[in-house]
Amino acid sequence: MGLDLHFSEHDVEVFHGHTTHNVVPMAKEAGAYHLLWRPDEVPITTAGQLTDPLLVARAVMQHDPARFAARNAPNGAGTVSDWTAFLHCVAEASTTWPAATVRATR
């Protein structure tokens, strides 16, 4: 169970990322939850719209790592390291395929 984020261009999937729901508290704290889990509600329609907000979220986390470490999942599945790696991958993909459509399944 978790979030699956899909980027597509011309009906071809160009990126797929997965993260556990255990990082939701960190995502909310960093301001990235609605961008990724509910892009249709923000609304986010293209991957390029995610780039800057995700870089900001990552910077927020890097500025105060202890605040986010306190939200590590007790079972070890969903750590700051996991979440920042996911943010990095999504931000990189959004830069590579800025025109791609965004779809989230949760």
PDB file of N, CA and C in Angstrom:
ATOM      1  N   MET A   1       0.825  -1.174   0.000  1.00  0.00           N
ATOM      2  CA  MET A   1       0.000   0.000   0.000  1.00  0.00           C
ATOM      3  C   MET A   1       0.875   1.244   0.000  1.00  0.00           C
ATOM      4  N   GLY A   2       0.395   2.264  -0.679  1.00  0.00           N
ATOM      5  CA  GLY A   2       1.136   3.501  -0.706  1.00  0.00           C
ATOM      6  C   GLY A   2       0.660   4.380  -1.830  1.00  0.00           C
ATOM      7  N   LEU A   3       1.493   5.331  -2.174  1.00  0.00           N
ATOM      8  CA  LEU A   3       1.222   6.257  -3.259  1.00  0.00           C
ATOM      9  C   LEU A   3       1.990   5.804  -4.487  1.00  0.00           C
ATOM     10  N   ASP A   4       1.299   5.732  -5.601  1.00  0.00           N
ATOM     11  CA  ASP A   4       1.938   5.514  -6.897  1.00  0.00           C
ATOM     12  C   ASP A   4       1.711   6.765  -7.716  1.00  0.00           C
ATOM     13  N   LEU A   5       2.798   7.361  -8.155  1.00  0.00           N
ATOM     14  CA  LEU A   5       2.738   8.585  -8.934  1.00  0.00           C
ATOM     15  C   LEU A   5       3.181   8.248 -10.354  1.00  0.00           C
ATOM     16  N   HIS A   6       2.367   8.643 -11.322  1.00  0.00           N
ATOM     17  CA  HIS A   6       2.611   8.313 -12.724  1.00  0.00           C
ATOM     18  C   HIS A   6       2.698   9.589 -13.546  1.00  0.00           C
ATOM     19  N   PHE A   7       3.714   9.672 -14.404  1.00  0.00           N
ATOM     20  CA  PHE A   7       3.833  10.743 -15.386  1.00  0.00           C
ATOM     21  C   PHE A   7       3.710  10.084 -16.755  1.00  0.00           C
ATOM     22  N   SER A   8       2.890  10.672 -17.618  1.00  0.00           N
ATOM     23  CA  SER A   8       2.695  10.118 -18.967  1.00  0.00           C
ATOM     24  C   SER A   8       2.788  11.212 -20.015  1.00  0.00           C
ATOM     25  N   GLU A   9       3.349  10.834 -21.146  1.00  0.00           N
ATOM     26  CA  GLU A   9       3.374  11.701 -22.326  1.00  0.00           C
ATOM     27  C   GLU A   9       2.839  10.909 -23.497  1.00  0.00           C
ATOM     28  N   HIS A  10       1.846  11.439 -24.167  1.00  0.00           N
ATOM     29  CA  HIS A  10       1.237  10.780 -25.332  1.00  0.00           C
ATOM     30  C   HIS A  10       0.815   9.350 -25.001  1.00  0.00           C
ATOM     31  N   ASP A  11       0.183   9.189 -23.851  1.00  0.00           N
ATOM     32  CA  ASP A  11      -0.323   7.895 -23.376  1.00  0.00           C
ATOM     33  C   ASP A  11       0.769   6.866 -23.096  1.00  0.00           C
ATOM     34  N   VAL A  12       2.000   7.314 -22.946  1.00  0.00           N
ATOM     35  CA  VAL A  12       3.110   6.426 -22.600  1.00  0.00           C
ATOM     36  C   VAL A  12       3.638   6.851 -21.233  1.00  0.00           C
ATOM     37  N   GLU A  13       3.704   5.909 -20.316  1.00  0.00           N
ATOM     38  CA  GLU A  13       4.229   6.235 -18.990  1.00  0.00           C
ATOM     39  C   GLU A  13       5.729   6.465 -19.077  1.00  0.00           C
ATOM     40  N   VAL A  14       6.160   7.646 -18.616  1.00  0.00           N
ATOM     41  CA  VAL A  14       7.582   7.993 -18.660  1.00  0.00           C
ATOM     42  C   VAL A  14       8.213   7.956 -17.270  1.00  0.00           C
ATOM     43  N   PHE A  15       7.375   7.942 -16.229  1.00  0.00           N
ATOM     44  CA  PHE A  15       7.891   7.866 -14.864  1.00  0.00           C
ATOM     45  C   PHE A  15       6.842   7.226 -13.977  1.00  0.00           C
ATOM     46  N   HIS A  16       7.327   6.391 -13.077  1.00  0.00           N
ATOM     47  CA  HIS A  16       6.477   5.812 -12.036  1.00  0.00           C
ATOM     48  C   HIS A  16       7.277   5.828 -10.745  1.00  0.00           C
ATOM     49  N   GLY A  17       6.709   6.426  -9.723  1.00  0.00           N
ATOM     50  CA  GLY A  17       7.345   6.445  -8.414  1.00  0.00           C
ATOM     51  C   GLY A  17       6.389   5.901  -7.370  1.00  0.00           C
ATOM     52  N   HIS A  18       6.933   5.259  -6.379  1.00  0.00           N
ATOM     53  CA  HIS A  18       6.113   4.682  -5.300  1.00  0.00           C
ATOM     54  C   HIS A  18       6.724   5.051  -3.956  1.00  0.00           C
ATOM     55  N   THR A  19       5.847   5.395  -3.026  1.00  0.00           N
ATOM     56  CA  THR A  19       6.274   5.622  -1.646  1.00  0.00           C
ATOM     57  C   THR A  19       5.183   5.121  -0.711  1.00  0.00           C
ATOM     58  N   THR A  20       5.565   4.823   0.489  1.00  0.00           N
ATOM     59  CA  THR A  20       4.638   4.324   1.490  1.00  0.00           C
ATOM     60  C   THR A  20       3.779   5.454   2.066  1.00  0.00           C
ATOM     61  N   HIS A  21       2.584   5.101   2.482  1.00  0.00           N
ATOM     62  CA  HIS A  21       1.729   6.077   3.160  1.00  0.00           C
ATOM     63  C   HIS A  21       2.319   6.476   4.515  1.00  0.00           C
ATOM     64  N   ASN A  22       3.283   5.733   5.014  1.00  0.00           N
ATOM     65  CA  ASN A  22       3.894   6.069   6.306  1.00  0.00           C
ATOM     66  C   ASN A  22       4.594   7.428   6.298  1.00  0.00           C
ATOM     67  N   VAL A  23       4.886   7.958   5.113  1.00  0.00           N
ATOM     68  CA  VAL A  23       5.548   9.263   5.040  1.00  0.00           C
ATOM     69  C   VAL A  23       4.560  10.426   4.961  1.00  0.00           C
ATOM     70  N   VAL A  24       3.272  10.141   5.017  1.00  0.00           N
ATOM     71  CA  VAL A  24       2.263  11.203   4.943  1.00  0.00           C
ATOM     72  C   VAL A  24       2.503  12.310   5.982  1.00  0.00           C
ATOM     73  N   PRO A  25       2.811  11.990   7.243  1.00  0.00           N
ATOM     74  CA  PRO A  25       3.064  13.087   8.189  1.00  0.00           C
ATOM     75  C   PRO A  25       4.205  14.008   7.741  1.00  0.00           C
ATOM     76  N   MET A  26       5.260  13.435   7.168  1.00  0.00           N
ATOM     77  CA  MET A  26       6.366  14.248   6.668  1.00  0.00           C
ATOM     78  C   MET A  26       5.937  15.061   5.453  1.00  0.00           C
ATOM     79  N   ALA A  27       5.172  14.424   4.566  1.00  0.00           N
ATOM     80  CA  ALA A  27       4.703  15.118   3.370  1.00  0.00           C
ATOM     81  C   ALA A  27       3.838  16.315   3.737  1.00  0.00           C
ATOM     82  N   LYS A  28       2.974  16.130   4.713  1.00  0.00           N
ATOM     83  CA  LYS A  28       2.122  17.236   5.159  1.00  0.00           C
ATOM     84  C   LYS A  28       2.962  18.337   5.793  1.00  0.00           C
ATOM     85  N   GLU A  29       3.899  17.953   6.637  1.00  0.00           N
ATOM     86  CA  GLU A  29       4.764  18.915   7.326  1.00  0.00           C
ATOM     87  C   GLU A  29       5.605  19.725   6.330  1.00  0.00           C
ATOM     88  N   ALA A  30       6.028  19.085   5.240  1.00  0.00           N
ATOM     89  CA  ALA A  30       6.861  19.747   4.236  1.00  0.00           C
ATOM     90  C   ALA A  30       6.039  20.509   3.198  1.00  0.00           C
ATOM     91  N   GLY A  31       4.712  20.348   3.243  1.00  0.00           N
ATOM     92  CA  GLY A  31       3.856  21.051   2.285  1.00  0.00           C
ATOM     93  C   GLY A  31       3.729  20.365   0.942  1.00  0.00           C
ATOM     94  N   ALA A  32       3.998  19.065   0.900  1.00  0.00           N
ATOM     95  CA  ALA A  32       3.962  18.339  -0.373  1.00  0.00           C
ATOM     96  C   ALA A  32       2.825  17.330  -0.481  1.00  0.00           C
ATOM     97  N   TYR A  33       2.067  17.154   0.581  1.00  0.00           N
ATOM     98  CA  TYR A  33       1.030  16.109   0.565  1.00  0.00           C
ATOM     99  C   TYR A  33       0.025  16.298  -0.564  1.00  0.00           C
ATOM    100  N   HIS A  34      -0.623  17.440  -0.624  1.00  0.00           N
ATOM    101  CA  HIS A  34      -1.652  17.633  -1.650  1.00  0.00           C
ATOM    102  C   HIS A  34      -1.070  17.621  -3.061  1.00  0.00           C
ATOM    103  N   LEU A  35       0.147  18.092  -3.209  1.00  0.00           N
ATOM    104  CA  LEU A  35       0.796  18.082  -4.522  1.00  0.00           C
ATOM    105  C   LEU A  35       0.927  16.674  -5.080  1.00  0.00           C
ATOM    106  N   LEU A  36       1.247  15.722  -4.204  1.00  0.00           N
ATOM    107  CA  LEU A  36       1.543  14.365  -4.663  1.00  0.00           C
ATOM    108  C   LEU A  36       0.381  13.399  -4.474  1.00  0.00           C
ATOM    109  N   TRP A  37      -0.263  13.427  -3.324  1.00  0.00           N
ATOM    110  CA  TRP A  37      -1.345  12.481  -3.066  1.00  0.00           C
ATOM    111  C   TRP A  37      -2.658  12.908  -3.728  1.00  0.00           C
ATOM    112  N   ARG A  38      -2.848  14.207  -3.901  1.00  0.00           N
ATOM    113  CA  ARG A  38      -4.102  14.721  -4.443  1.00  0.00           C
ATOM    114  C   ARG A  38      -3.854  15.832  -5.476  1.00  0.00           C
ATOM    115  N   PRO A  39      -3.067  15.525  -6.517  1.00  0.00           N
ATOM    116  CA  PRO A  39      -2.724  16.579  -7.490  1.00  0.00           C
ATOM    117  C   PRO A  39      -3.946  17.135  -8.215  1.00  0.00           C
ATOM    118  N   ASP A  40      -4.965  16.321  -8.378  1.00  0.00           N
ATOM    119  CA  ASP A  40      -6.177  16.771  -9.065  1.00  0.00           C
ATOM    120  C   ASP A  40      -6.931  17.828  -8.258  1.00  0.00           C
ATOM    121  N   GLU A  41      -6.723  17.869  -6.962  1.00  0.00           N
ATOM    122  CA  GLU A  41      -7.412  18.836  -6.112  1.00  0.00           C
ATOM    123  C   GLU A  41      -6.671  20.169  -6.005  1.00  0.00           C
ATOM    124  N   VAL A  42      -5.383  20.210  -6.386  1.00  0.00           N
ATOM    125  CA  VAL A  42      -4.580  21.417  -6.172  1.00  0.00           C
ATOM    126  C   VAL A  42      -4.883  22.520  -7.198  1.00  0.00           C
ATOM    127  N   PRO A  43      -5.022  22.411  -8.450  1.00  0.00           N
ATOM    128  CA  PRO A  43      -4.793  21.285  -9.338  1.00  0.00           C
ATOM    129  C   PRO A  43      -3.382  21.300  -9.947  1.00  0.00           C
ATOM    130  N   ILE A  44      -2.834  20.116 -10.025  1.00  0.00           N
ATOM    131  CA  ILE A  44      -1.576  19.878 -10.737  1.00  0.00           C
ATOM    132  C   ILE A  44      -1.942  19.030 -11.949  1.00  0.00           C
ATOM    133  N   THR A  45      -1.627  19.505 -13.139  1.00  0.00           N
ATOM    134  CA  THR A  45      -1.933  18.729 -14.336  1.00  0.00           C
ATOM    135  C   THR A  45      -0.670  18.266 -15.060  1.00  0.00           C
ATOM    136  N   THR A  46       0.421  19.036 -14.927  1.00  0.00           N
ATOM    137  CA  THR A  46       1.663  18.633 -15.583  1.00  0.00           C
ATOM    138  C   THR A  46       2.786  18.491 -14.557  1.00  0.00           C
ATOM    139  N   ALA A  47       3.718  17.636 -14.879  1.00  0.00           N
ATOM    140  CA  ALA A  47       4.829  17.357 -13.966  1.00  0.00           C
ATOM    141  C   ALA A  47       5.654  18.608 -13.684  1.00  0.00           C
ATOM    142  N   GLY A  48       5.800  19.474 -14.662  1.00  0.00           N
ATOM    143  CA  GLY A  48       6.587  20.686 -14.471  1.00  0.00           C
ATOM    144  C   GLY A  48       6.047  21.583 -13.359  1.00  0.00           C
ATOM    145  N   GLN A  49       4.760  21.482 -13.083  1.00  0.00           N
ATOM    146  CA  GLN A  49       4.165  22.270 -12.004  1.00  0.00           C
ATOM    147  C   GLN A  49       4.632  21.784 -10.628  1.00  0.00           C
ATOM    148  N   LEU A  50       5.179  20.589 -10.566  1.00  0.00           N
ATOM    149  CA  LEU A  50       5.643  20.023  -9.295  1.00  0.00           C
ATOM    150  C   LEU A  50       7.065  20.432  -8.931  1.00  0.00           C
ATOM    151  N   THR A  51       7.869  20.774  -9.920  1.00  0.00           N
ATOM    152  CA  THR A  51       9.302  20.957  -9.703  1.00  0.00           C
ATOM    153  C   THR A  51       9.615  21.934  -8.577  1.00  0.00           C
ATOM    154  N   ASP A  52       9.210  23.174  -8.711  1.00  0.00           N
ATOM    155  CA  ASP A  52       9.560  24.177  -7.703  1.00  0.00           C
ATOM    156  C   ASP A  52       8.980  23.866  -6.329  1.00  0.00           C
ATOM    157  N   PRO A  53       7.689  23.508  -6.228  1.00  0.00           N
ATOM    158  CA  PRO A  53       7.168  23.193  -4.890  1.00  0.00           C
ATOM    159  C   PRO A  53       7.874  22.010  -4.222  1.00  0.00           C
ATOM    160  N   LEU A  54       8.294  21.033  -4.999  1.00  0.00           N
ATOM    161  CA  LEU A  54       8.997  19.889  -4.402  1.00  0.00           C
ATOM    162  C   LEU A  54      10.400  20.274  -3.966  1.00  0.00           C
ATOM    163  N   LEU A  55      11.045  21.138  -4.717  1.00  0.00           N
ATOM    164  CA  LEU A  55      12.367  21.621  -4.297  1.00  0.00           C
ATOM    165  C   LEU A  55      12.252  22.442  -3.016  1.00  0.00           C
ATOM    166  N   VAL A  56      11.182  23.210  -2.883  1.00  0.00           N
ATOM    167  CA  VAL A  56      10.941  23.957  -1.651  1.00  0.00           C
ATOM    168  C   VAL A  56      10.717  22.991  -0.494  1.00  0.00           C
ATOM    169  N   ALA A  57       9.893  21.960  -0.708  1.00  0.00           N
ATOM    170  CA  ALA A  57       9.624  20.968   0.343  1.00  0.00           C
ATOM    171  C   ALA A  57      10.915  20.296   0.791  1.00  0.00           C
ATOM    172  N   ARG A  58      11.762  19.956  -0.167  1.00  0.00           N
ATOM    173  CA  ARG A  58      13.039  19.327   0.173  1.00  0.00           C
ATOM    174  C   ARG A  58      13.925  20.281   0.970  1.00  0.00           C
ATOM    175  N   ALA A  59      13.928  21.553   0.601  1.00  0.00           N
ATOM    176  CA  ALA A  59      14.722  22.554   1.323  1.00  0.00           C
ATOM    177  C   ALA A  59      14.210  22.733   2.748  1.00  0.00           C
ATOM    178  N   VAL A  60      12.894  22.709   2.917  1.00  0.00           N
ATOM    179  CA  VAL A  60      12.304  22.810   4.259  1.00  0.00           C
ATOM    180  C   VAL A  60      12.799  21.663   5.119  1.00  0.00           C
ATOM    181  N   MET A  61      12.821  20.474   4.547  1.00  0.00           N
ATOM    182  CA  MET A  61      13.279  19.299   5.293  1.00  0.00           C
ATOM    183  C   MET A  61      14.763  19.398   5.626  1.00  0.00           C
ATOM    184  N   GLN A  62      15.559  19.873   4.689  1.00  0.00           N
ATOM    185  CA  GLN A  62      16.998  19.983   4.922  1.00  0.00           C
ATOM    186  C   GLN A  62      17.315  21.059   5.954  1.00  0.00           C
ATOM    187  N   HIS A  63      16.462  22.065   6.049  1.00  0.00           N
ATOM    188  CA  HIS A  63      16.675  23.159   6.996  1.00  0.00           C
ATOM    189  C   HIS A  63      16.438  22.717   8.444  1.00  0.00           C
ATOM    190  N   ASP A  64      15.538  21.765   8.639  1.00  0.00           N
ATOM    191  CA  ASP A  64      15.188  21.341  10.000  1.00  0.00           C
ATOM    192  C   ASP A  64      15.034  19.812  10.053  1.00  0.00           C
ATOM    193  N   PRO A  65      16.121  19.075   9.853  1.00  0.00           N
ATOM    194  CA  PRO A  65      16.023  17.615   9.770  1.00  0.00           C
ATOM    195  C   PRO A  65      15.482  16.958  11.037  1.00  0.00           C
ATOM    196  N   ALA A  66      15.752  17.513  12.199  1.00  0.00           N
ATOM    197  CA  ALA A  66      15.275  16.897  13.443  1.00  0.00           C
ATOM    198  C   ALA A  66      13.750  16.902  13.514  1.00  0.00           C
ATOM    199  N   ARG A  67      13.147  17.958  13.027  1.00  0.00           N
ATOM    200  CA  ARG A  67      11.679  18.050  13.007  1.00  0.00           C
ATOM    201  C   ARG A  67      11.067  16.905  12.199  1.00  0.00           C
ATOM    202  N   PHE A  68      11.713  16.545  11.102  1.00  0.00           N
ATOM    203  CA  PHE A  68      11.183  15.483  10.249  1.00  0.00           C
ATOM    204  C   PHE A  68      11.590  14.099  10.742  1.00  0.00           C
ATOM    205  N   ALA A  69      12.764  13.993  11.327  1.00  0.00           N
ATOM    206  CA  ALA A  69      13.209  12.707  11.880  1.00  0.00           C
ATOM    207  C   ALA A  69      12.259  12.234  12.971  1.00  0.00           C
ATOM    208  N   ALA A  70      11.651  13.174  13.668  1.00  0.00           N
ATOM    209  CA  ALA A  70      10.683  12.821  14.713  1.00  0.00           C
ATOM    210  C   ALA A  70       9.444  12.160  14.121  1.00  0.00           C
ATOM    211  N   ARG A  71       9.259  12.269  12.810  1.00  0.00           N
ATOM    212  CA  ARG A  71       8.098  11.676  12.138  1.00  0.00           C
ATOM    213  C   ARG A  71       8.422  10.368  11.412  1.00  0.00           C
ATOM    214  N   ASN A  72       9.630   9.849  11.617  1.00  0.00           N
ATOM    215  CA  ASN A  72       9.971   8.550  11.030  1.00  0.00           C
ATOM    216  C   ASN A  72       8.961   7.503  11.490  1.00  0.00           C
ATOM    217  N   ALA A  73       8.578   6.639  10.584  1.00  0.00           N
ATOM    218  CA  ALA A  73       7.628   5.579  10.936  1.00  0.00           C
ATOM    219  C   ALA A  73       8.255   4.656  11.974  1.00  0.00           C
ATOM    220  N   PRO A  74       7.515   4.323  13.027  1.00  0.00           N
ATOM    221  CA  PRO A  74       8.054   3.456  14.083  1.00  0.00           C
ATOM    222  C   PRO A  74       8.520   2.090  13.577  1.00  0.00           C
ATOM    223  N   ASN A  75       7.893   1.602  12.497  1.00  0.00           N
ATOM    224  CA  ASN A  75       8.265   0.286  11.971  1.00  0.00           C
ATOM    225  C   ASN A  75       9.447   0.353  11.008  1.00  0.00           C
ATOM    226  N   GLY A  76       9.993   1.558  10.778  1.00  0.00           N
ATOM    227  CA  GLY A  76      11.156   1.703   9.910  1.00  0.00           C
ATOM    228  C   GLY A  76      10.832   1.832   8.432  1.00  0.00           C
ATOM    229  N   ALA A  77       9.573   1.636   8.060  1.00  0.00           N
ATOM    230  CA  ALA A  77       9.160   1.765   6.659  1.00  0.00           C
ATOM    231  C   ALA A  77       8.569   3.152   6.470  1.00  0.00           C
ATOM    232  N   GLY A  78       9.414   4.094   6.104  1.00  0.00           N
ATOM    233  CA  GLY A  78       8.985   5.466   5.933  1.00  0.00           C
ATOM    234  C   GLY A  78       9.830   6.403   6.775  1.00  0.00           C
ATOM    235  N   THR A  79      11.065   6.574   6.345  1.00  0.00           N
ATOM    236  CA  THR A  79      12.007   7.414   7.083  1.00  0.00           C
ATOM    237  C   THR A  79      12.254   8.717   6.316  1.00  0.00           C
ATOM    238  N   VAL A  80      12.910   9.644   6.977  1.00  0.00           N
ATOM    239  CA  VAL A  80      13.300  10.890   6.313  1.00  0.00           C
ATOM    240  C   VAL A  80      14.124  10.579   5.074  1.00  0.00           C
ATOM    241  N   SER A  81      15.017   9.637   5.189  1.00  0.00           N
ATOM    242  CA  SER A  81      15.858   9.256   4.053  1.00  0.00           C
ATOM    243  C   SER A  81      15.013   8.736   2.893  1.00  0.00           C
ATOM    244  N   ASP A  82      14.043   7.873   3.191  1.00  0.00           N
ATOM    245  CA  ASP A  82      13.141   7.350   2.151  1.00  0.00           C
ATOM    246  C   ASP A  82      12.391   8.490   1.470  1.00  0.00           C
ATOM    247  N   TRP A  83      11.844   9.382   2.292  1.00  0.00           N
ATOM    248  CA  TRP A  83      11.008  10.468   1.782  1.00  0.00           C
ATOM    249  C   TRP A  83      11.817  11.450   0.954  1.00  0.00           C
ATOM    250  N   THR A  84      13.022  11.819   1.409  1.00  0.00           N
ATOM    251  CA  THR A  84      13.827  12.764   0.629  1.00  0.00           C
ATOM    252  C   THR A  84      14.301  12.135  -0.674  1.00  0.00           C
ATOM    253  N   ALA A  85      14.575  10.840  -0.670  1.00  0.00           N
ATOM    254  CA  ALA A  85      14.958  10.153  -1.910  1.00  0.00           C
ATOM    255  C   ALA A  85      13.790  10.173  -2.906  1.00  0.00           C
ATOM    256  N   PHE A  86      12.582   9.924  -2.411  1.00  0.00           N
ATOM    257  CA  PHE A  86      11.403   9.971  -3.271  1.00  0.00           C
ATOM    258  C   PHE A  86      11.211  11.386  -3.827  1.00  0.00           C
ATOM    259  N   LEU A  87      11.304  12.402  -2.968  1.00  0.00           N
ATOM    260  CA  LEU A  87      11.179  13.788  -3.425  1.00  0.00           C
ATOM    261  C   LEU A  87      12.199  14.109  -4.506  1.00  0.00           C
ATOM    262  N   HIS A  88      13.427  13.660  -4.306  1.00  0.00           N
ATOM    263  CA  HIS A  88      14.483  13.899  -5.287  1.00  0.00           C
ATOM    264  C   HIS A  88      14.131  13.266  -6.635  1.00  0.00           C
ATOM    265  N   CYS A  89      13.695  12.018  -6.610  1.00  0.00           N
ATOM    266  CA  CYS A  89      13.344  11.310  -7.852  1.00  0.00           C
ATOM    267  C   CYS A  89      12.191  11.989  -8.580  1.00  0.00           C
ATOM    268  N   VAL A  90      11.171  12.377  -7.841  1.00  0.00           N
ATOM    269  CA  VAL A  90      10.010  13.022  -8.464  1.00  0.00           C
ATOM    270  C   VAL A  90      10.401  14.395  -9.020  1.00  0.00           C
ATOM    271  N   ALA A  91      11.173  15.161  -8.272  1.00  0.00           N
ATOM    272  CA  ALA A  91      11.603  16.477  -8.753  1.00  0.00           C
ATOM    273  C   ALA A  91      12.464  16.332 -10.005  1.00  0.00           C
ATOM    274  N   GLU A  92      13.343  15.350 -10.016  1.00  0.00           N
ATOM    275  CA  GLU A  92      14.187  15.104 -11.196  1.00  0.00           C
ATOM    276  C   GLU A  92      13.334  14.708 -12.400  1.00  0.00           C
ATOM    277  N   ALA A  93      12.368  13.818 -12.184  1.00  0.00           N
ATOM    278  CA  ALA A  93      11.483  13.390 -13.269  1.00  0.00           C
ATOM    279  C   ALA A  93      10.623  14.545 -13.770  1.00  0.00           C
ATOM    280  N   SER A  94      10.199  15.410 -12.850  1.00  0.00           N
ATOM    281  CA  SER A  94       9.367  16.543 -13.267  1.00  0.00           C
ATOM    282  C   SER A  94      10.165  17.539 -14.104  1.00  0.00           C
ATOM    283  N   THR A  95      11.466  17.586 -13.877  1.00  0.00           N
ATOM    284  CA  THR A  95      12.343  18.433 -14.692  1.00  0.00           C
ATOM    285  C   THR A  95      12.593  17.795 -16.055  1.00  0.00           C
ATOM    286  N   THR A  96      12.731  16.480 -16.067  1.00  0.00           N
ATOM    287  CA  THR A  96      12.994  15.755 -17.309  1.00  0.00           C
ATOM    288  C   THR A  96      11.783  15.736 -18.227  1.00  0.00           C
ATOM    289  N   TRP A  97      10.592  15.574 -17.646  1.00  0.00           N
ATOM    290  CA  TRP A  97       9.347  15.483 -18.424  1.00  0.00           C
ATOM    291  C   TRP A  97       8.335  16.519 -17.929  1.00  0.00           C
ATOM    292  N   PRO A  98       8.623  17.807 -18.096  1.00  0.00           N
ATOM    293  CA  PRO A  98       7.743  18.832 -17.538  1.00  0.00           C
ATOM    294  C   PRO A  98       6.335  18.858 -18.146  1.00  0.00           C
ATOM    295  N   ALA A  99       6.186  18.396 -19.374  1.00  0.00           N
ATOM    296  CA  ALA A  99       4.872  18.409 -20.018  1.00  0.00           C
ATOM    297  C   ALA A  99       4.049  17.152 -19.727  1.00  0.00           C
ATOM    298  N   ALA A 100       4.636  16.193 -19.027  1.00  0.00           N
ATOM    299  CA  ALA A 100       3.935  14.940 -18.749  1.00  0.00           C
ATOM    300  C   ALA A 100       2.709  15.194 -17.872  1.00  0.00           C
ATOM    301  N   THR A 101       1.653  14.433 -18.129  1.00  0.00           N
ATOM    302  CA  THR A 101       0.473  14.514 -17.279  1.00  0.00           C
ATOM    303  C   THR A 101       0.751  13.739 -15.993  1.00  0.00           C
ATOM    304  N   VAL A 102       0.124  14.159 -14.909  1.00  0.00           N
ATOM    305  CA  VAL A 102       0.355  13.588 -13.591  1.00  0.00           C
ATOM    306  C   VAL A 102      -0.894  12.842 -13.131  1.00  0.00           C
ATOM    307  N   ARG A 103      -0.681  11.632 -12.627  1.00  0.00           N
ATOM    308  CA  ARG A 103      -1.782  10.856 -12.066  1.00  0.00           C
ATOM    309  C   ARG A 103      -1.275  10.186 -10.793  1.00  0.00           C
ATOM    310  N   ALA A 104      -2.063  10.283  -9.747  1.00  0.00           N
ATOM    311  CA  ALA A 104      -1.718   9.637  -8.478  1.00  0.00           C
ATOM    312  C   ALA A 104      -2.745   8.565  -8.171  1.00  0.00           C
ATOM    313  N   THR A 105      -2.264   7.409  -7.743  1.00  0.00           N
ATOM    314  CA  THR A 105      -3.153   6.368  -7.234  1.00  0.00           C
ATOM    315  C   THR A 105      -2.723   6.091  -5.822  1.00  0.00           C
ATOM    316  N   ARG A 106      -3.719   6.000  -4.947  1.00  0.00           N
ATOM    317  CA  ARG A 106      -3.430   5.807  -3.536  1.00  0.00           C
ATOM    318  C   ARG A 106      -4.325   4.739  -2.956  1.00  0.00           C
TER     319      ARG A 106
END
